[in-house]
Amino acid sequence: MLTATGMFTGSVEYTAPERARGEGEQAASDLFALRVTLYQAVEGISPFRRGTPTGTLAAVMFDAAPPPQHAGRLTTLITRLLEKSPDQRPTDTQALALIDT
């Protein structure tokens, strides 16, 4: 999270891209860390961790998460949950529907 003083607090790889850009709080931002955690739980690696904090921040903001290899029927859900734009992420109802497909 970007603070009022311009300092960053929190784990960079779990920060929603819009928060990293200093944009206002959004409901979709709140669950981004959980979504990264879901990817990491299924794949065994973080989708955005790089060798440096700056590299990790750049990955959060600009890089697509690598396609899940072990997610099975959760692949579409995980991929959609990690969209860079909060407007492109599924709502709770849409996410639940993706689980059922």
N, C-alpha and C. Protein backbone atom coordinates (compact mmCIF):
# COMPACT_ATOMS: atom_id res chain seq x y z
N MET A 1 0.85 -1.16 0.00
CA MET A 1 0.00 0.00 0.00
C MET A 1 0.90 1.23 0.00
N LEU A 2 0.54 2.23 -0.78
CA LEU A 2 1.27 3.48 -0.84
C LEU A 2 0.69 4.41 0.21
N THR A 3 1.53 4.91 1.12
CA THR A 3 1.05 5.77 2.19
C THR A 3 1.04 7.22 1.74
N ALA A 4 0.49 8.08 2.57
CA ALA A 4 0.42 9.50 2.25
C ALA A 4 1.80 10.11 2.08
N THR A 5 2.80 9.54 2.74
CA THR A 5 4.15 10.07 2.63
C THR A 5 4.90 9.51 1.44
N GLY A 6 4.25 8.60 0.69
CA GLY A 6 4.90 8.01 -0.46
C GLY A 6 5.67 6.74 -0.14
N MET A 7 5.63 6.33 1.12
CA MET A 7 6.30 5.10 1.52
C MET A 7 5.38 3.92 1.23
N PHE A 8 5.99 2.77 0.97
CA PHE A 8 5.22 1.57 0.68
C PHE A 8 5.24 0.67 1.90
N THR A 9 4.06 0.16 2.29
CA THR A 9 3.99 -0.79 3.38
C THR A 9 3.26 -2.03 2.90
N GLY A 10 3.60 -3.16 3.44
CA GLY A 10 2.95 -4.40 3.06
C GLY A 10 3.83 -5.25 2.17
N SER A 11 3.32 -6.39 1.77
CA SER A 11 4.04 -7.31 0.88
C SER A 11 3.73 -6.92 -0.56
N VAL A 12 4.74 -6.50 -1.26
CA VAL A 12 4.57 -5.95 -2.61
C VAL A 12 3.82 -6.92 -3.52
N GLU A 13 4.17 -8.19 -3.49
CA GLU A 13 3.59 -9.13 -4.45
C GLU A 13 2.10 -9.40 -4.22
N TYR A 14 1.58 -8.99 -3.06
CA TYR A 14 0.17 -9.20 -2.75
C TYR A 14 -0.65 -7.91 -2.88
N THR A 15 -0.05 -6.86 -3.35
CA THR A 15 -0.71 -5.56 -3.47
C THR A 15 -1.41 -5.44 -4.82
N ALA A 16 -2.65 -5.03 -4.81
CA ALA A 16 -3.40 -4.85 -6.06
C ALA A 16 -2.73 -3.76 -6.90
N PRO A 17 -2.70 -3.95 -8.23
CA PRO A 17 -2.05 -2.95 -9.09
C PRO A 17 -2.57 -1.54 -8.89
N GLU A 18 -3.88 -1.40 -8.70
CA GLU A 18 -4.44 -0.05 -8.53
C GLU A 18 -3.98 0.59 -7.22
N ARG A 19 -3.74 -0.21 -6.21
CA ARG A 19 -3.19 0.33 -4.95
C ARG A 19 -1.73 0.72 -5.15
N ALA A 20 -0.99 -0.07 -5.90
CA ALA A 20 0.41 0.25 -6.17
C ALA A 20 0.53 1.56 -6.95
N ARG A 21 -0.48 1.86 -7.76
CA ARG A 21 -0.49 3.12 -8.51
C ARG A 21 -0.97 4.29 -7.67
N GLY A 22 -1.42 4.02 -6.43
CA GLY A 22 -1.89 5.08 -5.55
C GLY A 22 -3.30 5.51 -5.82
N GLU A 23 -4.06 4.69 -6.53
CA GLU A 23 -5.46 5.02 -6.80
C GLU A 23 -6.29 4.74 -5.56
N GLY A 24 -7.49 5.23 -5.53
CA GLY A 24 -8.38 5.07 -4.38
C GLY A 24 -8.69 3.62 -4.06
N GLU A 25 -9.17 3.44 -2.85
CA GLU A 25 -9.55 2.11 -2.38
C GLU A 25 -10.77 1.62 -3.14
N GLN A 26 -10.76 0.35 -3.50
CA GLN A 26 -11.87 -0.27 -4.19
C GLN A 26 -12.13 -1.63 -3.56
N ALA A 27 -13.36 -2.07 -3.60
CA ALA A 27 -13.69 -3.39 -3.05
C ALA A 27 -12.89 -4.48 -3.75
N ALA A 28 -12.71 -4.36 -5.06
CA ALA A 28 -11.96 -5.37 -5.82
C ALA A 28 -10.51 -5.45 -5.37
N SER A 29 -9.99 -4.37 -4.83
CA SER A 29 -8.60 -4.35 -4.37
C SER A 29 -8.41 -5.16 -3.10
N ASP A 30 -9.44 -5.19 -2.28
CA ASP A 30 -9.33 -5.84 -0.98
C ASP A 30 -9.01 -7.32 -1.08
N LEU A 31 -9.50 -7.95 -2.11
CA LEU A 31 -9.32 -9.40 -2.22
C LEU A 31 -8.15 -9.81 -3.11
N PHE A 32 -7.42 -8.85 -3.65
CA PHE A 32 -6.33 -9.20 -4.55
C PHE A 32 -5.29 -10.08 -3.85
N ALA A 33 -4.94 -9.76 -2.62
CA ALA A 33 -3.96 -10.56 -1.89
C ALA A 33 -4.44 -12.00 -1.72
N LEU A 34 -5.72 -12.15 -1.44
CA LEU A 34 -6.28 -13.49 -1.31
C LEU A 34 -6.17 -14.24 -2.64
N ARG A 35 -6.37 -13.55 -3.70
CA ARG A 35 -6.30 -14.15 -5.03
C ARG A 35 -4.88 -14.58 -5.37
N VAL A 36 -3.91 -13.75 -5.03
CA VAL A 36 -2.51 -14.13 -5.23
C VAL A 36 -2.19 -15.35 -4.37
N THR A 37 -2.71 -15.37 -3.15
CA THR A 37 -2.51 -16.50 -2.25
C THR A 37 -3.11 -17.78 -2.83
N LEU A 38 -4.28 -17.68 -3.45
CA LEU A 38 -4.91 -18.84 -4.08
C LEU A 38 -4.01 -19.37 -5.20
N TYR A 39 -3.49 -18.49 -6.02
CA TYR A 39 -2.58 -18.90 -7.09
C TYR A 39 -1.38 -19.62 -6.49
N GLN A 40 -0.80 -19.01 -5.46
CA GLN A 40 0.40 -19.59 -4.83
C GLN A 40 0.08 -20.95 -4.20
N ALA A 41 -1.09 -21.09 -3.60
CA ALA A 41 -1.47 -22.37 -2.98
C ALA A 41 -1.61 -23.46 -4.03
N VAL A 42 -2.17 -23.12 -5.18
CA VAL A 42 -2.40 -24.11 -6.22
C VAL A 42 -1.12 -24.42 -7.01
N GLU A 43 -0.35 -23.38 -7.30
CA GLU A 43 0.82 -23.54 -8.15
C GLU A 43 2.13 -23.77 -7.38
N GLY A 44 2.15 -23.41 -6.12
CA GLY A 44 3.37 -23.58 -5.32
C GLY A 44 4.38 -22.46 -5.47
N ILE A 45 4.04 -21.44 -6.24
CA ILE A 45 4.91 -20.27 -6.41
C ILE A 45 4.05 -19.02 -6.47
N SER A 46 4.64 -17.89 -6.14
CA SER A 46 3.94 -16.61 -6.27
C SER A 46 3.96 -16.20 -7.74
N PRO A 47 2.84 -15.69 -8.25
CA PRO A 47 2.82 -15.31 -9.66
C PRO A 47 3.62 -14.04 -9.98
N PHE A 48 3.92 -13.24 -8.98
CA PHE A 48 4.56 -11.95 -9.25
C PHE A 48 5.92 -11.77 -8.60
N ARG A 49 6.35 -12.68 -7.75
CA ARG A 49 7.64 -12.50 -7.07
C ARG A 49 8.77 -12.54 -8.07
N ARG A 50 9.63 -11.56 -7.94
CA ARG A 50 10.82 -11.46 -8.78
C ARG A 50 12.02 -11.33 -7.86
N GLY A 51 13.19 -11.12 -8.39
CA GLY A 51 14.41 -11.10 -7.60
C GLY A 51 14.61 -9.87 -6.73
N THR A 52 13.88 -8.82 -7.01
CA THR A 52 14.00 -7.58 -6.24
C THR A 52 12.61 -7.02 -5.94
N PRO A 53 12.49 -6.18 -4.90
CA PRO A 53 11.18 -5.55 -4.65
C PRO A 53 10.70 -4.70 -5.83
N THR A 54 11.61 -4.02 -6.51
CA THR A 54 11.23 -3.22 -7.66
C THR A 54 10.73 -4.09 -8.80
N GLY A 55 11.40 -5.20 -9.03
CA GLY A 55 10.95 -6.14 -10.05
C GLY A 55 9.60 -6.74 -9.73
N THR A 56 9.40 -7.05 -8.45
CA THR A 56 8.12 -7.59 -8.01
C THR A 56 7.01 -6.57 -8.21
N LEU A 57 7.26 -5.33 -7.83
CA LEU A 57 6.25 -4.27 -8.01
C LEU A 57 5.92 -4.08 -9.49
N ALA A 58 6.94 -4.09 -10.33
CA ALA A 58 6.70 -3.96 -11.77
C ALA A 58 5.86 -5.13 -12.28
N ALA A 59 6.12 -6.34 -11.80
CA ALA A 59 5.35 -7.51 -12.22
C ALA A 59 3.89 -7.38 -11.78
N VAL A 60 3.67 -6.92 -10.55
CA VAL A 60 2.30 -6.73 -10.07
C VAL A 60 1.56 -5.75 -10.96
N MET A 61 2.24 -4.70 -11.36
CA MET A 61 1.58 -3.65 -12.12
C MET A 61 1.43 -3.97 -13.61
N PHE A 62 2.40 -4.71 -14.18
CA PHE A 62 2.41 -4.82 -15.64
C PHE A 62 2.39 -6.24 -16.20
N ASP A 63 2.88 -7.22 -15.46
CA ASP A 63 3.00 -8.58 -16.00
C ASP A 63 1.75 -9.41 -15.71
N ALA A 64 1.34 -10.18 -16.68
CA ALA A 64 0.27 -11.14 -16.44
C ALA A 64 0.85 -12.29 -15.61
N ALA A 65 0.03 -12.84 -14.74
CA ALA A 65 0.46 -14.02 -13.99
C ALA A 65 0.68 -15.15 -14.99
N PRO A 66 1.71 -15.97 -14.78
CA PRO A 66 1.89 -17.12 -15.67
C PRO A 66 0.64 -18.00 -15.63
N PRO A 67 0.26 -18.57 -16.76
CA PRO A 67 -0.93 -19.43 -16.74
C PRO A 67 -0.76 -20.56 -15.73
N PRO A 68 -1.78 -20.79 -14.91
CA PRO A 68 -1.69 -21.88 -13.94
C PRO A 68 -1.53 -23.22 -14.65
N GLN A 69 -0.66 -24.06 -14.09
CA GLN A 69 -0.41 -25.38 -14.67
C GLN A 69 -1.07 -26.51 -13.88
N HIS A 70 -1.44 -26.23 -12.63
CA HIS A 70 -1.96 -27.27 -11.75
C HIS A 70 -3.37 -26.97 -11.23
N ALA A 71 -4.01 -25.97 -11.80
CA ALA A 71 -5.28 -25.48 -11.26
C ALA A 71 -6.50 -26.27 -11.75
N GLY A 72 -6.34 -27.06 -12.78
CA GLY A 72 -7.48 -27.83 -13.28
C GLY A 72 -8.65 -26.92 -13.61
N ARG A 73 -9.81 -27.26 -13.05
CA ARG A 73 -11.01 -26.48 -13.37
C ARG A 73 -11.01 -25.09 -12.73
N LEU A 74 -10.03 -24.80 -11.88
CA LEU A 74 -9.92 -23.45 -11.31
C LEU A 74 -9.10 -22.50 -12.17
N THR A 75 -8.56 -22.99 -13.28
CA THR A 75 -7.68 -22.17 -14.12
C THR A 75 -8.34 -20.88 -14.56
N THR A 76 -9.53 -20.95 -15.11
CA THR A 76 -10.22 -19.74 -15.59
C THR A 76 -10.48 -18.79 -14.44
N LEU A 77 -10.93 -19.32 -13.33
CA LEU A 77 -11.21 -18.48 -12.16
C LEU A 77 -9.96 -17.75 -11.71
N ILE A 78 -8.88 -18.46 -11.50
CA ILE A 78 -7.64 -17.85 -11.01
C ILE A 78 -7.14 -16.81 -12.00
N THR A 79 -7.17 -17.13 -13.28
CA THR A 79 -6.70 -16.19 -14.29
C THR A 79 -7.53 -14.91 -14.27
N ARG A 80 -8.83 -15.04 -14.18
CA ARG A 80 -9.72 -13.86 -14.15
C ARG A 80 -9.55 -13.05 -12.87
N LEU A 81 -9.33 -13.72 -11.75
CA LEU A 81 -9.18 -13.02 -10.48
C LEU A 81 -7.94 -12.13 -10.45
N LEU A 82 -6.94 -12.47 -11.25
CA LEU A 82 -5.69 -11.71 -11.24
C LEU A 82 -5.60 -10.68 -12.37
N GLU A 83 -6.73 -10.34 -12.97
CA GLU A 83 -6.75 -9.29 -13.99
C GLU A 83 -6.18 -7.99 -13.38
N LYS A 84 -5.44 -7.25 -14.17
CA LYS A 84 -4.85 -6.00 -13.68
C LYS A 84 -5.89 -4.94 -13.37
N SER A 85 -6.92 -4.85 -14.20
CA SER A 85 -7.95 -3.84 -14.00
C SER A 85 -9.03 -4.39 -13.07
N PRO A 86 -9.35 -3.69 -12.00
CA PRO A 86 -10.39 -4.18 -11.09
C PRO A 86 -11.74 -4.34 -11.78
N ASP A 87 -11.98 -3.57 -12.83
CA ASP A 87 -13.24 -3.69 -13.57
C ASP A 87 -13.33 -4.99 -14.35
N GLN A 88 -12.19 -5.61 -14.61
CA GLN A 88 -12.16 -6.86 -15.36
C GLN A 88 -12.22 -8.10 -14.46
N ARG A 89 -12.03 -7.90 -13.16
CA ARG A 89 -12.10 -9.02 -12.23
C ARG A 89 -13.55 -9.41 -11.99
N PRO A 90 -13.82 -10.71 -11.83
CA PRO A 90 -15.21 -11.12 -11.61
C PRO A 90 -15.72 -10.69 -10.24
N THR A 91 -17.02 -10.46 -10.20
CA THR A 91 -17.67 -10.22 -8.91
C THR A 91 -17.73 -11.54 -8.16
N ASP A 92 -18.17 -11.50 -6.92
CA ASP A 92 -18.32 -12.73 -6.14
C ASP A 92 -19.24 -13.72 -6.85
N THR A 93 -20.35 -13.22 -7.34
CA THR A 93 -21.32 -14.08 -8.03
C THR A 93 -20.71 -14.68 -9.29
N GLN A 94 -20.00 -13.87 -10.06
CA GLN A 94 -19.37 -14.37 -11.27
C GLN A 94 -18.28 -15.39 -10.94
N ALA A 95 -17.52 -15.12 -9.86
CA ALA A 95 -16.47 -16.05 -9.45
C ALA A 95 -17.06 -17.41 -9.06
N LEU A 96 -18.14 -17.38 -8.32
CA LEU A 96 -18.79 -18.64 -7.93
C LEU A 96 -19.29 -19.39 -9.16
N ALA A 97 -19.80 -18.67 -10.14
CA ALA A 97 -20.25 -19.32 -11.39
C ALA A 97 -19.08 -19.95 -12.13
N LEU A 98 -17.92 -19.31 -12.08
CA LEU A 98 -16.74 -19.88 -12.75
C LEU A 98 -16.28 -21.17 -12.08
N ILE A 99 -16.51 -21.31 -10.80
CA ILE A 99 -16.16 -22.54 -10.09
C ILE A 99 -17.05 -23.68 -10.55
N ASP A 100 -18.29 -23.37 -10.84
CA ASP A 100 -19.26 -24.39 -11.24
C ASP A 100 -19.13 -24.84 -12.68
N THR A 101 -18.29 -24.15 -13.48
CA THR A 101 -18.17 -24.53 -14.90
C THR A 101 -17.14 -25.60 -15.10
